[in-house]
C-alpha atoms as a PDB file:
ATOM      1  CA  MET A   1     -27.732  -0.595 -21.128  1.00  0.00           C
ATOM      2  CA  HIS A   2     -26.578   2.466 -23.151  1.00  0.00           C
ATOM      3  CA  GLN A   3     -24.088   1.898 -26.005  1.00  0.00           C
ATOM      4  CA  ASP A   4     -21.576   4.011 -24.512  1.00  0.00           C
ATOM      5  CA  THR A   5     -21.152   2.007 -21.408  1.00  0.00           C
ATOM      6  CA  LYS A   6     -19.273  -1.053 -21.079  1.00  0.00           C
ATOM      7  CA  LYS A   7     -19.548  -3.917 -18.499  1.00  0.00           C
ATOM      8  CA  VAL A   8     -15.731  -4.589 -17.205  1.00  0.00           C
ATOM      9  CA  VAL A   9     -15.636  -7.465 -15.146  1.00  0.00           C
ATOM     10  CA  LEU A  10     -12.395  -7.335 -12.359  1.00  0.00           C
ATOM     11  CA  PHE A  11     -11.315 -10.452 -10.726  1.00  0.00           C
ATOM     12  CA  LEU A  12     -10.251  -9.671  -7.153  1.00  0.00           C
ATOM     13  CA  TRP A  13      -8.370 -12.293  -5.128  1.00  0.00           C
ATOM     14  CA  ILE A  14      -9.057 -13.208  -1.506  1.00  0.00           C
ATOM     15  CA  GLU A  15      -6.299 -15.307  -0.149  1.00  0.00           C
ATOM     16  CA  LYS A  16      -6.989 -18.492   1.068  1.00  0.00           C
ATOM     17  CA  SER A  17      -4.255 -20.702   2.185  1.00  0.00           C
ATOM     18  CA  ARG A  18      -1.547 -20.736  -0.370  1.00  0.00           C
ATOM     19  CA  TYR A  19      -4.071 -20.494  -3.255  1.00  0.00           C
ATOM     20  CA  ALA A  20      -6.006 -17.224  -4.484  1.00  0.00           C
ATOM     21  CA  LEU A  21      -9.647 -17.917  -5.464  1.00  0.00           C
ATOM     22  CA  PRO A  22     -11.313 -15.381  -8.146  1.00  0.00           C
ATOM     23  CA  ILE A  23     -14.232 -13.370  -7.181  1.00  0.00           C
ATOM     24  CA  CYS A  24     -15.954 -11.962  -9.884  1.00  0.00           C
ATOM     25  CA  PHE A  25     -16.596  -8.102  -9.151  1.00  0.00           C
ATOM     26  CA  GLN A  26     -18.265  -6.126 -11.619  1.00  0.00           C
ATOM     27  CA  ILE A  27     -18.010  -2.255 -12.198  1.00  0.00           C
ATOM     28  CA  ILE A  28     -20.162  -0.732 -15.024  1.00  0.00           C
ATOM     29  CA  LYS A  29     -17.650   1.936 -15.734  1.00  0.00           C
ATOM     30  CA  LEU A  30     -15.415   2.436 -18.913  1.00  0.00           C
ATOM     31  CA  MET A  31     -12.093   1.225 -16.985  1.00  0.00           C
ATOM     32  CA  ASN A  32      -9.916  -1.429 -17.604  1.00  0.00           C
ATOM     33  CA  GLU A  33      -7.558  -3.380 -15.278  1.00  0.00           C
ATOM     34  CA  GLU A  34      -4.322  -0.997 -16.754  1.00  0.00           C
ATOM     35  CA  ILE A  35      -6.246   1.983 -15.560  1.00  0.00           C
ATOM     36  CA  ILE A  36      -7.067   0.713 -12.159  1.00  0.00           C
ATOM     37  CA  LEU A  37      -3.436  -0.292 -11.722  1.00  0.00           C
ATOM     38  CA  ASN A  38      -2.555   3.194 -13.008  1.00  0.00           C
ATOM     39  CA  GLN A  39      -5.073   4.671 -10.431  1.00  0.00           C
ATOM     40  CA  LEU A  40      -3.575   2.784  -7.802  1.00  0.00           C
ATOM     41  CA  GLU A  41       0.153   3.581  -8.740  1.00  0.00           C
ATOM     42  CA  GLU A  42      -1.316   7.410  -8.698  1.00  0.00           C
ATOM     43  CA  LEU A  43      -2.482   7.032  -5.015  1.00  0.00           C
ATOM     44  CA  ALA A  44       0.357   5.229  -3.398  1.00  0.00           C
ATOM     45  CA  ASN A  45       2.527   8.359  -5.163  1.00  0.00           C
ATOM     46  CA  LYS A  46       0.342  10.311  -3.013  1.00  0.00           C
ATOM     47  CA  LEU A  47       1.158   8.548  -0.185  1.00  0.00           C
ATOM     48  CA  GLU A  48       5.085   8.877  -0.971  1.00  0.00           C
ATOM     49  CA  ILE A  49       5.353   5.056  -1.477  1.00  0.00           C
ATOM     50  CA  LEU A  50       7.747   4.166  -4.205  1.00  0.00           C
ATOM     51  CA  VAL A  51       6.175   1.346  -6.780  1.00  0.00           C
ATOM     52  CA  ARG A  52       9.199  -0.700  -8.041  1.00  0.00           C
ATOM     53  CA  ASP A  53       7.874  -3.387 -10.651  1.00  0.00           C
ATOM     54  CA  GLU A  54      10.963  -5.810 -10.133  1.00  0.00           C
ATOM     55  CA  LYS A  55      11.934  -9.401 -11.667  1.00  0.00           C
ATOM     56  CA  MET A  56      11.659 -12.202  -9.397  1.00  0.00           C
ATOM     57  CA  ASN A  57      12.098 -15.670  -9.803  1.00  0.00           C
ATOM     58  CA  ILE A  58       8.427 -17.349  -9.859  1.00  0.00           C
ATOM     59  CA  GLU A  59      10.223 -20.762  -9.215  1.00  0.00           C
ATOM     60  CA  GLU A  60      11.737 -19.794  -5.697  1.00  0.00           C
ATOM     61  CA  SER A  61       8.872 -17.490  -4.741  1.00  0.00           C
ATOM     62  CA  SER A  62       5.320 -17.697  -4.570  1.00  0.00           C
ATOM     63  CA  SER A  63       4.583 -14.082  -4.351  1.00  0.00           C
ATOM     64  CA  ASN A  64       3.738 -11.369  -6.433  1.00  0.00           C
ATOM     65  CA  GLY A  65       5.098  -8.611  -4.583  1.00  0.00           C
ATOM     66  CA  GLY A  66       4.491  -6.868  -1.375  1.00  0.00           C
ATOM     67  CA  LEU A  67       4.884  -3.427   0.584  1.00  0.00           C
ATOM     68  CA  CYS A  68       8.006  -2.904   2.865  1.00  0.00           C
ATOM     69  CA  ARG A  69       9.531  -0.589   5.015  1.00  0.00           C
ATOM     70  CA  ILE A  70      12.982   0.541   5.092  1.00  0.00           C
ATOM     71  CA  GLU A  71      13.707   3.157   7.569  1.00  0.00           C
ATOM     72  CA  GLU A  72      11.073   5.511   7.227  1.00  0.00           C
ATOM     73  CA  GLU A  73      10.486   4.996   3.305  1.00  0.00           C
ATOM     74  CA  TYR A  74       7.798   2.527   1.901  1.00  0.00           C
ATOM     75  CA  ILE A  75       8.441   0.410  -0.925  1.00  0.00           C
ATOM     76  CA  LEU A  76       5.747  -1.441  -2.830  1.00  0.00           C
ATOM     77  CA  ILE A  77       7.063  -4.265  -4.954  1.00  0.00           C
ATOM     78  CA  LEU A  78       5.301  -5.947  -8.043  1.00  0.00           C
ATOM     79  CA  ASN A  79       6.440  -9.060  -9.472  1.00  0.00           C
ATOM     80  CA  SER A  80       7.083  -7.832 -12.945  1.00  0.00           C
ATOM     81  CA  LYS A  81       6.058 -11.253 -14.389  1.00  0.00           C
ATOM     82  CA  ALA A  82       2.770 -11.178 -12.392  1.00  0.00           C
ATOM     83  CA  THR A  83      -0.250 -10.391 -14.144  1.00  0.00           C
ATOM     84  CA  VAL A  84      -2.159  -7.137 -13.681  1.00  0.00           C
ATOM     85  CA  LYS A  85      -4.792  -8.794 -11.903  1.00  0.00           C
ATOM     86  CA  GLU A  86      -2.393  -9.962  -9.326  1.00  0.00           C
ATOM     87  CA  LYS A  87      -0.877  -6.641  -9.177  1.00  0.00           C
ATOM     88  CA  ILE A  88      -4.142  -4.847  -8.682  1.00  0.00           C
ATOM     89  CA  HIS A  89      -4.390  -7.413  -5.690  1.00  0.00           C
ATOM     90  CA  VAL A  90      -0.811  -6.488  -4.298  1.00  0.00           C
ATOM     91  CA  MET A  91      -1.423  -2.981  -4.372  1.00  0.00           C
ATOM     92  CA  ILE A  92      -4.729  -2.606  -2.769  1.00  0.00           C
ATOM     93  CA  LYS A  93      -3.875  -5.136   0.014  1.00  0.00           C
ATOM     94  CA  ALA A  94      -0.730  -2.871   0.571  1.00  0.00           C
ATOM     95  CA  LEU A  95      -2.771   0.549   0.282  1.00  0.00           C
ATOM     96  CA  GLN A  96      -5.451  -0.500   3.047  1.00  0.00           C
ATOM     97  CA  GLN A  97      -2.626  -0.639   5.521  1.00  0.00           C
ATOM     98  CA  PHE A  98      -2.818   3.220   5.097  1.00  0.00           C
ATOM     99  CA  ASP A  99      -5.508   5.985   6.563  1.00  0.00           C
ATOM    100  CA  LEU A 100      -7.157   7.225   3.301  1.00  0.00           C
ATOM    101  CA  SER A 101      -9.897   9.372   4.550  1.00  0.00           C
ATOM    102  CA  GLY A 102      -8.072  12.575   3.945  1.00  0.00           C
ATOM    103  CA  ILE A 103      -6.897  11.732   0.491  1.00  0.00           C
ATOM    104  CA  TYR A 104      -9.265  12.442  -2.624  1.00  0.00           C
ATOM    105  CA  ILE A 105      -9.817   9.007  -4.350  1.00  0.00           C
ATOM    106  CA  LYS A 106     -11.948   8.452  -7.349  1.00  0.00           C
ATOM    107  CA  PRO A 107     -15.519   6.995  -6.268  1.00  0.00           C
ATOM    108  CA  VAL A 108     -14.504   3.653  -8.139  1.00  0.00           C
ATOM    109  CA  ILE A 109     -11.272   3.315  -6.746  1.00  0.00           C
ATOM    110  CA  ARG A 110     -12.210   3.709  -3.088  1.00  0.00           C
ATOM    111  CA  GLU A 111     -15.082   1.779  -3.509  1.00  0.00           C
ATOM    112  CA  LEU A 112     -12.805  -1.005  -4.568  1.00  0.00           C
ATOM    113  CA  LEU A 113     -10.231  -0.332  -1.803  1.00  0.00           C
ATOM    114  CA  GLU A 114     -13.409  -0.383   1.037  1.00  0.00           C
ATOM    115  CA  GLY A 115     -15.026  -3.251  -0.380  1.00  0.00           C
ATOM    116  CA  TYR A 116     -12.316  -5.675  -0.865  1.00  0.00           C
ATOM    117  CA  GLU A 117     -11.590  -7.990   2.355  1.00  0.00           C
ATOM    118  CA  LYS A 118      -8.951  -7.530   4.462  1.00  0.00           C
END
């Protein structure tokens, strides 16, 4: 492996009952989780989805966020206490609900979206 190339392990989550199960998904790129999250947020903005990082009481809710629609506006709410991996999971699940075929998405992000179990 070339010295400048790093192996980044991204944990994806597949929901099973009320628990999430980590699955290791390797991407050979110089991308970390924060960059992936930022790329997903940029994609949401292209789709005119408002992304909000909100404080949620974790004891009262087991949710890390989700997509909602108020009138004609989509809002993607992320739990500010959720980990970056959990936020990525919520964003992927939400963005998969939209037609992304006509939008340029970086190949690694498109692969992530298409390879993630719905």
